[in-house]
């Protein structure tokens, strides 16, 4: 059995609200996104890995904030560092 990721265990989706209603970078660039992810460290909203911009992943790479939350349903979390769902 796989052990749970400590980053996901420590994150709380109820503590943060999204900084923007859409992908911040896509809005600035005038591009489209497929789905949205919110950083559970700072509330940054970025587009998913199926989007051209990959802005949620780039946010992780630039800021090392490991856990994102699926938006708008908030039904799952993902840890980039451990590549695991929560």
PDB file of N, CA and C in Angstrom:
ATOM      1  N   UNK A   1       0.840  -1.173   0.000  1.00  0.00           N
ATOM      2  CA  UNK A   1       0.000   0.000   0.000  1.00  0.00           C
ATOM      3  C   UNK A   1       0.892   1.246   0.000  1.00  0.00           C
ATOM      4  N   UNK A   2       0.534   2.257  -0.818  1.00  0.00           N
ATOM      5  CA  UNK A   2       1.314   3.476  -0.942  1.00  0.00           C
ATOM      6  C   UNK A   2       1.039   4.409   0.226  1.00  0.00           C
ATOM      7  N   UNK A   3       2.108   4.978   0.768  1.00  0.00           N
ATOM      8  CA  UNK A   3       1.969   5.914   1.870  1.00  0.00           C
ATOM      9  C   UNK A   3       1.503   7.264   1.325  1.00  0.00           C
ATOM     10  N   UNK A   4       0.676   7.972   2.099  1.00  0.00           N
ATOM     11  CA  UNK A   4       0.178   9.268   1.667  1.00  0.00           C
ATOM     12  C   UNK A   4       1.299  10.303   1.638  1.00  0.00           C
ATOM     13  N   UNK A   5       1.176  11.238   0.741  1.00  0.00           N
ATOM     14  CA  UNK A   5       2.142  12.328   0.603  1.00  0.00           C
ATOM     15  C   UNK A   5       1.964  13.321   1.747  1.00  0.00           C
ATOM     16  N   UNK A   6       3.060  13.676   2.408  1.00  0.00           N
ATOM     17  CA  UNK A   6       2.978  14.611   3.536  1.00  0.00           C
ATOM     18  C   UNK A   6       2.579  16.013   3.094  1.00  0.00           C
ATOM     19  N   UNK A   7       2.895  16.389   1.838  1.00  0.00           N
ATOM     20  CA  UNK A   7       2.484  17.709   1.341  1.00  0.00           C
ATOM     21  C   UNK A   7       0.959  17.787   1.227  1.00  0.00           C
ATOM     22  N   UNK A   8       0.360  16.731   0.715  1.00  0.00           N
ATOM     23  CA  UNK A   8      -1.100  16.698   0.586  1.00  0.00           C
ATOM     24  C   UNK A   8      -1.745  16.653   1.955  1.00  0.00           C
ATOM     25  N   UNK A   9      -1.174  15.863   2.855  1.00  0.00           N
ATOM     26  CA  UNK A   9      -1.723  15.780   4.214  1.00  0.00           C
ATOM     27  C   UNK A   9      -1.707  17.134   4.916  1.00  0.00           C
ATOM     28  N   UNK A  10      -0.689  17.949   4.662  1.00  0.00           N
ATOM     29  CA  UNK A  10      -0.549  19.250   5.324  1.00  0.00           C
ATOM     30  C   UNK A  10      -1.359  20.352   4.648  1.00  0.00           C
ATOM     31  N   UNK A  11      -1.771  20.151   3.400  1.00  0.00           N
ATOM     32  CA  UNK A  11      -2.491  21.194   2.669  1.00  0.00           C
ATOM     33  C   UNK A  11      -3.965  21.192   3.048  1.00  0.00           C
ATOM     34  N   UNK A  12      -4.567  22.375   3.023  1.00  0.00           N
ATOM     35  CA  UNK A  12      -5.978  22.504   3.363  1.00  0.00           C
ATOM     36  C   UNK A  12      -6.667  23.361   2.321  1.00  0.00           C
ATOM     37  N   UNK A  13      -7.546  22.746   1.538  1.00  0.00           N
ATOM     38  CA  UNK A  13      -8.206  23.463   0.455  1.00  0.00           C
ATOM     39  C   UNK A  13      -9.183  24.527   0.947  1.00  0.00           C
ATOM     40  N   UNK A  14      -9.529  24.528   2.209  1.00  0.00           N
ATOM     41  CA  UNK A  14     -10.468  25.512   2.728  1.00  0.00           C
ATOM     42  C   UNK A  14      -9.795  26.789   3.220  1.00  0.00           C
ATOM     43  N   UNK A  15      -8.463  26.800   3.298  1.00  0.00           N
ATOM     44  CA  UNK A  15      -7.756  27.973   3.815  1.00  0.00           C
ATOM     45  C   UNK A  15      -7.530  29.049   2.773  1.00  0.00           C
ATOM     46  N   UNK A  16      -7.529  28.704   1.499  1.00  0.00           N
ATOM     47  CA  UNK A  16      -7.226  29.659   0.437  1.00  0.00           C
ATOM     48  C   UNK A  16      -8.393  29.836  -0.511  1.00  0.00           C
ATOM     49  N   UNK A  17      -8.455  31.018  -1.106  1.00  0.00           N
ATOM     50  CA  UNK A  17      -9.374  31.261  -2.208  1.00  0.00           C
ATOM     51  C   UNK A  17      -8.533  31.564  -3.441  1.00  0.00           C
ATOM     52  N   UNK A  18      -9.039  31.265  -4.623  1.00  0.00           N
ATOM     53  CA  UNK A  18      -8.267  31.526  -5.840  1.00  0.00           C
ATOM     54  C   UNK A  18      -7.964  33.016  -5.998  1.00  0.00           C
ATOM     55  N   UNK A  19      -6.753  33.327  -6.452  1.00  0.00           N
ATOM     56  CA  UNK A  19      -6.361  34.718  -6.691  1.00  0.00           C
ATOM     57  C   UNK A  19      -7.076  35.322  -7.890  1.00  0.00           C
ATOM     58  N   UNK A  20      -7.429  34.482  -8.870  1.00  0.00           N
ATOM     59  CA  UNK A  20      -8.106  34.930 -10.084  1.00  0.00           C
ATOM     60  C   UNK A  20      -9.191  33.921 -10.449  1.00  0.00           C
ATOM     61  N   UNK A  21     -10.085  34.315 -11.366  1.00  0.00           N
ATOM     62  CA  UNK A  21     -11.159  33.410 -11.799  1.00  0.00           C
ATOM     63  C   UNK A  21     -10.708  32.467 -12.908  1.00  0.00           C
ATOM     64  N   UNK A  22      -9.597  32.780 -13.544  1.00  0.00           N
ATOM     65  CA  UNK A  22      -9.047  31.948 -14.603  1.00  0.00           C
ATOM     66  C   UNK A  22      -7.543  31.865 -14.453  1.00  0.00           C
ATOM     67  N   UNK A  23      -6.895  31.224 -15.408  1.00  0.00           N
ATOM     68  CA  UNK A  23      -5.433  31.134 -15.390  1.00  0.00           C
ATOM     69  C   UNK A  23      -4.855  32.540 -15.523  1.00  0.00           C
ATOM     70  N   UNK A  24      -4.094  32.928 -14.525  1.00  0.00           N
ATOM     71  CA  UNK A  24      -3.544  34.282 -14.487  1.00  0.00           C
ATOM     72  C   UNK A  24      -2.687  34.592 -15.715  1.00  0.00           C
ATOM     73  N   UNK A  25      -1.792  33.682 -16.064  1.00  0.00           N
ATOM     74  CA  UNK A  25      -0.899  33.908 -17.197  1.00  0.00           C
ATOM     75  C   UNK A  25      -1.653  33.872 -18.524  1.00  0.00           C
ATOM     76  N   UNK A  26      -2.584  32.927 -18.690  1.00  0.00           N
ATOM     77  CA  UNK A  26      -3.368  32.863 -19.930  1.00  0.00           C
ATOM     78  C   UNK A  26      -4.196  34.139 -20.113  1.00  0.00           C
ATOM     79  N   UNK A  27      -4.756  34.654 -19.023  1.00  0.00           N
ATOM     80  CA  UNK A  27      -5.513  35.898 -19.113  1.00  0.00           C
ATOM     81  C   UNK A  27      -4.609  37.035 -19.577  1.00  0.00           C
ATOM     82  N   UNK A  28      -3.401  37.107 -19.041  1.00  0.00           N
ATOM     83  CA  UNK A  28      -2.457  38.157 -19.433  1.00  0.00           C
ATOM     84  C   UNK A  28      -1.986  38.005 -20.874  1.00  0.00           C
ATOM     85  N   UNK A  29      -1.845  36.745 -21.332  1.00  0.00           N
ATOM     86  CA  UNK A  29      -1.360  36.463 -22.687  1.00  0.00           C
ATOM     87  C   UNK A  29      -2.474  36.462 -23.725  1.00  0.00           C
ATOM     88  N   UNK A  30      -3.726  36.377 -23.286  1.00  0.00           N
ATOM     89  CA  UNK A  30      -4.852  36.283 -24.206  1.00  0.00           C
ATOM     90  C   UNK A  30      -4.994  34.902 -24.815  1.00  0.00           C
ATOM     91  N   UNK A  31      -4.549  33.863 -24.094  1.00  0.00           N
ATOM     92  CA  UNK A  31      -4.648  32.485 -24.577  1.00  0.00           C
ATOM     93  C   UNK A  31      -5.712  31.727 -23.788  1.00  0.00           C
ATOM     94  N   UNK A  32      -6.052  30.538 -24.264  1.00  0.00           N
ATOM     95  CA  UNK A  32      -7.095  29.718 -23.642  1.00  0.00           C
ATOM     96  C   UNK A  32      -6.483  28.589 -22.826  1.00  0.00           C
ATOM     97  N   UNK A  33      -7.274  28.085 -21.892  1.00  0.00           N
ATOM     98  CA  UNK A  33      -6.854  26.953 -21.079  1.00  0.00           C
ATOM     99  C   UNK A  33      -7.890  25.847 -21.183  1.00  0.00           C
ATOM    100  N   UNK A  34      -7.480  24.629 -20.798  1.00  0.00           N
ATOM    101  CA  UNK A  34      -8.370  23.465 -20.804  1.00  0.00           C
ATOM    102  C   UNK A  34      -9.048  23.328 -19.442  1.00  0.00           C
ATOM    103  N   UNK A  35      -8.268  23.332 -18.380  1.00  0.00           N
ATOM    104  CA  UNK A  35      -8.795  23.196 -17.015  1.00  0.00           C
ATOM    105  C   UNK A  35      -7.892  23.995 -16.082  1.00  0.00           C
ATOM    106  N   UNK A  36      -8.412  24.262 -14.883  1.00  0.00           N
ATOM    107  CA  UNK A  36      -7.701  25.114 -13.937  1.00  0.00           C
ATOM    108  C   UNK A  36      -7.248  24.350 -12.709  1.00  0.00           C
ATOM    109  N   UNK A  37      -6.125  24.806 -12.144  1.00  0.00           N
ATOM    110  CA  UNK A  37      -5.570  24.250 -10.917  1.00  0.00           C
ATOM    111  C   UNK A  37      -5.174  25.410 -10.008  1.00  0.00           C
ATOM    112  N   UNK A  38      -5.430  25.278  -8.708  1.00  0.00           N
ATOM    113  CA  UNK A  38      -5.060  26.315  -7.755  1.00  0.00           C
ATOM    114  C   UNK A  38      -3.946  25.820  -6.851  1.00  0.00           C
ATOM    115  N   UNK A  39      -2.923  26.635  -6.683  1.00  0.00           N
ATOM    116  CA  UNK A  39      -1.820  26.331  -5.779  1.00  0.00           C
ATOM    117  C   UNK A  39      -2.324  26.435  -4.344  1.00  0.00           C
ATOM    118  N   UNK A  40      -2.100  25.412  -3.554  1.00  0.00           N
ATOM    119  CA  UNK A  40      -2.560  25.421  -2.167  1.00  0.00           C
ATOM    120  C   UNK A  40      -1.554  26.060  -1.208  1.00  0.00           C
ATOM    121  N   UNK A  41      -0.485  26.624  -1.749  1.00  0.00           N
ATOM    122  CA  UNK A  41       0.440  27.404  -0.930  1.00  0.00           C
ATOM    123  C   UNK A  41       0.081  28.882  -0.985  1.00  0.00           C
ATOM    124  N   UNK A  42      -0.250  29.393  -2.198  1.00  0.00           N
ATOM    125  CA  UNK A  42      -0.440  30.838  -2.355  1.00  0.00           C
ATOM    126  C   UNK A  42      -1.730  31.252  -3.044  1.00  0.00           C
ATOM    127  N   UNK A  43      -2.510  30.309  -3.594  1.00  0.00           N
ATOM    128  CA  UNK A  43      -3.761  30.647  -4.260  1.00  0.00           C
ATOM    129  C   UNK A  43      -3.634  30.979  -5.735  1.00  0.00           C
ATOM    130  N   UNK A  44      -2.419  30.873  -6.296  1.00  0.00           N
ATOM    131  CA  UNK A  44      -2.224  31.119  -7.730  1.00  0.00           C
ATOM    132  C   UNK A  44      -3.091  30.161  -8.535  1.00  0.00           C
ATOM    133  N   UNK A  45      -3.738  30.665  -9.586  1.00  0.00           N
ATOM    134  CA  UNK A  45      -4.536  29.827 -10.476  1.00  0.00           C
ATOM    135  C   UNK A  45      -3.797  29.708 -11.800  1.00  0.00           C
ATOM    136  N   UNK A  46      -3.535  28.466 -12.196  1.00  0.00           N
ATOM    137  CA  UNK A  46      -2.849  28.191 -13.454  1.00  0.00           C
ATOM    138  C   UNK A  46      -3.584  27.130 -14.242  1.00  0.00           C
ATOM    139  N   UNK A  47      -3.220  27.017 -15.507  1.00  0.00           N
ATOM    140  CA  UNK A  47      -3.857  26.019 -16.366  1.00  0.00           C
ATOM    141  C   UNK A  47      -3.169  24.661 -16.205  1.00  0.00           C
ATOM    142  N   UNK A  48      -3.907  23.625 -16.550  1.00  0.00           N
ATOM    143  CA  UNK A  48      -3.459  22.241 -16.346  1.00  0.00           C
ATOM    144  C   UNK A  48      -2.430  21.807 -17.387  1.00  0.00           C
ATOM    145  N   UNK A  49      -1.923  20.600 -17.225  1.00  0.00           N
ATOM    146  CA  UNK A  49      -0.922  20.053 -18.139  1.00  0.00           C
ATOM    147  C   UNK A  49      -1.484  19.733 -19.521  1.00  0.00           C
ATOM    148  N   UNK A  50      -2.806  19.714 -19.681  1.00  0.00           N
ATOM    149  CA  UNK A  50      -3.408  19.521 -21.001  1.00  0.00           C
ATOM    150  C   UNK A  50      -3.533  20.842 -21.755  1.00  0.00           C
ATOM    151  N   UNK A  51      -3.265  21.935 -21.087  1.00  0.00           N
ATOM    152  CA  UNK A  51      -3.308  23.260 -21.698  1.00  0.00           C
ATOM    153  C   UNK A  51      -1.959  23.579 -22.323  1.00  0.00           C
ATOM    154  N   UNK A  52      -1.968  24.458 -23.309  1.00  0.00           N
ATOM    155  CA  UNK A  52      -0.729  24.834 -24.003  1.00  0.00           C
ATOM    156  C   UNK A  52       0.260  25.486 -23.043  1.00  0.00           C
ATOM    157  N   UNK A  53      -0.221  26.335 -22.137  1.00  0.00           N
ATOM    158  CA  UNK A  53       0.666  27.095 -21.272  1.00  0.00           C
ATOM    159  C   UNK A  53       1.312  26.330 -20.141  1.00  0.00           C
ATOM    160  N   UNK A  54       0.684  25.257 -19.674  1.00  0.00           N
ATOM    161  CA  UNK A  54       1.201  24.481 -18.539  1.00  0.00           C
ATOM    162  C   UNK A  54       1.530  25.385 -17.343  1.00  0.00           C
ATOM    163  N   UNK A  55       0.718  26.403 -17.105  1.00  0.00           N
ATOM    164  CA  UNK A  55       1.072  27.422 -16.121  1.00  0.00           C
ATOM    165  C   UNK A  55       1.033  26.938 -14.670  1.00  0.00           C
ATOM    166  N   UNK A  56       0.193  25.983 -14.332  1.00  0.00           N
ATOM    167  CA  UNK A  56       0.210  25.444 -12.969  1.00  0.00           C
ATOM    168  C   UNK A  56       1.542  24.722 -12.720  1.00  0.00           C
ATOM    169  N   UNK A  57       1.981  23.923 -13.674  1.00  0.00           N
ATOM    170  CA  UNK A  57       3.262  23.209 -13.549  1.00  0.00           C
ATOM    171  C   UNK A  57       4.431  24.202 -13.507  1.00  0.00           C
ATOM    172  N   UNK A  58       4.395  25.218 -14.353  1.00  0.00           N
ATOM    173  CA  UNK A  58       5.465  26.217 -14.368  1.00  0.00           C
ATOM    174  C   UNK A  58       5.520  26.967 -13.038  1.00  0.00           C
ATOM    175  N   UNK A  59       4.350  27.196 -12.437  1.00  0.00           N
ATOM    176  CA  UNK A  59       4.316  27.843 -11.123  1.00  0.00           C
ATOM    177  C   UNK A  59       5.043  26.966 -10.099  1.00  0.00           C
ATOM    178  N   UNK A  60       4.779  25.669 -10.123  1.00  0.00           N
ATOM    179  CA  UNK A  60       5.497  24.747  -9.239  1.00  0.00           C
ATOM    180  C   UNK A  60       7.001  24.799  -9.498  1.00  0.00           C
ATOM    181  N   UNK A  61       7.405  24.735 -10.759  1.00  0.00           N
ATOM    182  CA  UNK A  61       8.826  24.728 -11.098  1.00  0.00           C
ATOM    183  C   UNK A  61       9.523  26.021 -10.663  1.00  0.00           C
ATOM    184  N   UNK A  62       8.827  27.145 -10.733  1.00  0.00           N
ATOM    185  CA  UNK A  62       9.428  28.434 -10.383  1.00  0.00           C
ATOM    186  C   UNK A  62       9.373  28.746  -8.889  1.00  0.00           C
ATOM    187  N   UNK A  63       8.367  28.210  -8.195  1.00  0.00           N
ATOM    188  CA  UNK A  63       8.164  28.579  -6.793  1.00  0.00           C
ATOM    189  C   UNK A  63       8.234  27.405  -5.823  1.00  0.00           C
ATOM    190  N   UNK A  64       8.324  26.189  -6.329  1.00  0.00           N
ATOM    191  CA  UNK A  64       8.369  24.940  -5.557  1.00  0.00           C
ATOM    192  C   UNK A  64       7.200  24.797  -4.575  1.00  0.00           C
ATOM    193  N   UNK A  65       6.037  25.301  -4.949  1.00  0.00           N
ATOM    194  CA  UNK A  65       4.810  25.053  -4.176  1.00  0.00           C
ATOM    195  C   UNK A  65       4.245  23.731  -4.694  1.00  0.00           C
ATOM    196  N   UNK A  66       4.274  22.661  -3.892  1.00  0.00           N
ATOM    197  CA  UNK A  66       4.058  21.318  -4.431  1.00  0.00           C
ATOM    198  C   UNK A  66       2.616  20.897  -4.722  1.00  0.00           C
ATOM    199  N   UNK A  67       1.623  21.437  -4.018  1.00  0.00           N
ATOM    200  CA  UNK A  67       0.271  20.869  -4.120  1.00  0.00           C
ATOM    201  C   UNK A  67      -0.686  21.821  -4.825  1.00  0.00           C
ATOM    202  N   UNK A  68      -1.439  21.252  -5.784  1.00  0.00           N
ATOM    203  CA  UNK A  68      -2.486  21.995  -6.472  1.00  0.00           C
ATOM    204  C   UNK A  68      -3.829  21.343  -6.202  1.00  0.00           C
ATOM    205  N   UNK A  69      -4.875  22.115  -6.420  1.00  0.00           N
ATOM    206  CA  UNK A  69      -6.251  21.660  -6.241  1.00  0.00           C
ATOM    207  C   UNK A  69      -6.986  21.837  -7.555  1.00  0.00           C
ATOM    208  N   UNK A  70      -7.730  20.843  -7.954  1.00  0.00           N
ATOM    209  CA  UNK A  70      -8.540  20.917  -9.169  1.00  0.00           C
ATOM    210  C   UNK A  70      -9.657  21.935  -8.950  1.00  0.00           C
ATOM    211  N   UNK A  71      -9.864  22.790  -9.954  1.00  0.00           N
ATOM    212  CA  UNK A  71     -10.960  23.759  -9.916  1.00  0.00           C
ATOM    213  C   UNK A  71     -11.902  23.516 -11.078  1.00  0.00           C
ATOM    214  N   UNK A  72     -13.185  23.769 -10.947  1.00  0.00           N
ATOM    215  CA  UNK A  72     -13.871  24.438  -9.846  1.00  0.00           C
ATOM    216  C   UNK A  72     -14.423  23.499  -8.771  1.00  0.00           C
ATOM    217  N   UNK A  73     -14.434  22.200  -9.033  1.00  0.00           N
ATOM    218  CA  UNK A  73     -15.090  21.263  -8.097  1.00  0.00           C
ATOM    219  C   UNK A  73     -14.322  21.037  -6.804  1.00  0.00           C
ATOM    220  N   UNK A  74     -13.005  21.262  -6.844  1.00  0.00           N
ATOM    221  CA  UNK A  74     -12.142  21.011  -5.682  1.00  0.00           C
ATOM    222  C   UNK A  74     -12.225  19.549  -5.229  1.00  0.00           C
ATOM    223  N   UNK A  75     -12.298  18.647  -6.219  1.00  0.00           N
ATOM    224  CA  UNK A  75     -12.518  17.236  -5.910  1.00  0.00           C
ATOM    225  C   UNK A  75     -11.237  16.435  -5.670  1.00  0.00           C
ATOM    226  N   UNK A  76     -10.074  16.941  -6.081  1.00  0.00           N
ATOM    227  CA  UNK A  76      -8.825  16.229  -5.837  1.00  0.00           C
ATOM    228  C   UNK A  76      -7.653  17.197  -5.770  1.00  0.00           C
ATOM    229  N   UNK A  77      -6.569  16.697  -5.156  1.00  0.00           N
ATOM    230  CA  UNK A  77      -5.314  17.430  -5.057  1.00  0.00           C
ATOM    231  C   UNK A  77      -4.238  16.615  -5.769  1.00  0.00           C
ATOM    232  N   UNK A  78      -3.177  17.304  -6.180  1.00  0.00           N
ATOM    233  CA  UNK A  78      -2.039  16.655  -6.815  1.00  0.00           C
ATOM    234  C   UNK A  78      -0.763  17.248  -6.239  1.00  0.00           C
ATOM    235  N   UNK A  79       0.187  16.383  -5.904  1.00  0.00           N
ATOM    236  CA  UNK A  79       1.505  16.825  -5.449  1.00  0.00           C
ATOM    237  C   UNK A  79       2.486  16.623  -6.602  1.00  0.00           C
ATOM    238  N   UNK A  80       3.037  17.729  -7.101  1.00  0.00           N
ATOM    239  CA  UNK A  80       4.024  17.638  -8.180  1.00  0.00           C
ATOM    240  C   UNK A  80       5.299  16.947  -7.720  1.00  0.00           C
ATOM    241  N   UNK A  81       5.710  17.208  -6.502  1.00  0.00           N
ATOM    242  CA  UNK A  81       6.964  16.648  -6.006  1.00  0.00           C
ATOM    243  C   UNK A  81       6.920  15.121  -5.921  1.00  0.00           C
ATOM    244  N   UNK A  82       5.828  14.571  -5.423  1.00  0.00           N
ATOM    245  CA  UNK A  82       5.712  13.120  -5.263  1.00  0.00           C
ATOM    246  C   UNK A  82       4.884  12.453  -6.357  1.00  0.00           C
ATOM    247  N   UNK A  83       4.364  13.274  -7.285  1.00  0.00           N
ATOM    248  CA  UNK A  83       3.525  12.777  -8.381  1.00  0.00           C
ATOM    249  C   UNK A  83       2.441  11.855  -7.849  1.00  0.00           C
ATOM    250  N   UNK A  84       1.646  12.398  -6.916  1.00  0.00           N
ATOM    251  CA  UNK A  84       0.582  11.592  -6.315  1.00  0.00           C
ATOM    252  C   UNK A  84      -0.667  12.430  -6.081  1.00  0.00           C
ATOM    253  N   UNK A  85      -1.799  11.736  -6.111  1.00  0.00           N
ATOM    254  CA  UNK A  85      -3.104  12.355  -5.863  1.00  0.00           C
ATOM    255  C   UNK A  85      -3.463  12.261  -4.397  1.00  0.00           C
ATOM    256  N   UNK A  86      -4.330  13.150  -3.994  1.00  0.00           N
ATOM    257  CA  UNK A  86      -4.856  13.105  -2.631  1.00  0.00           C
ATOM    258  C   UNK A  86      -6.280  13.575  -2.592  1.00  0.00           C
TER     259      UNK A  86
END
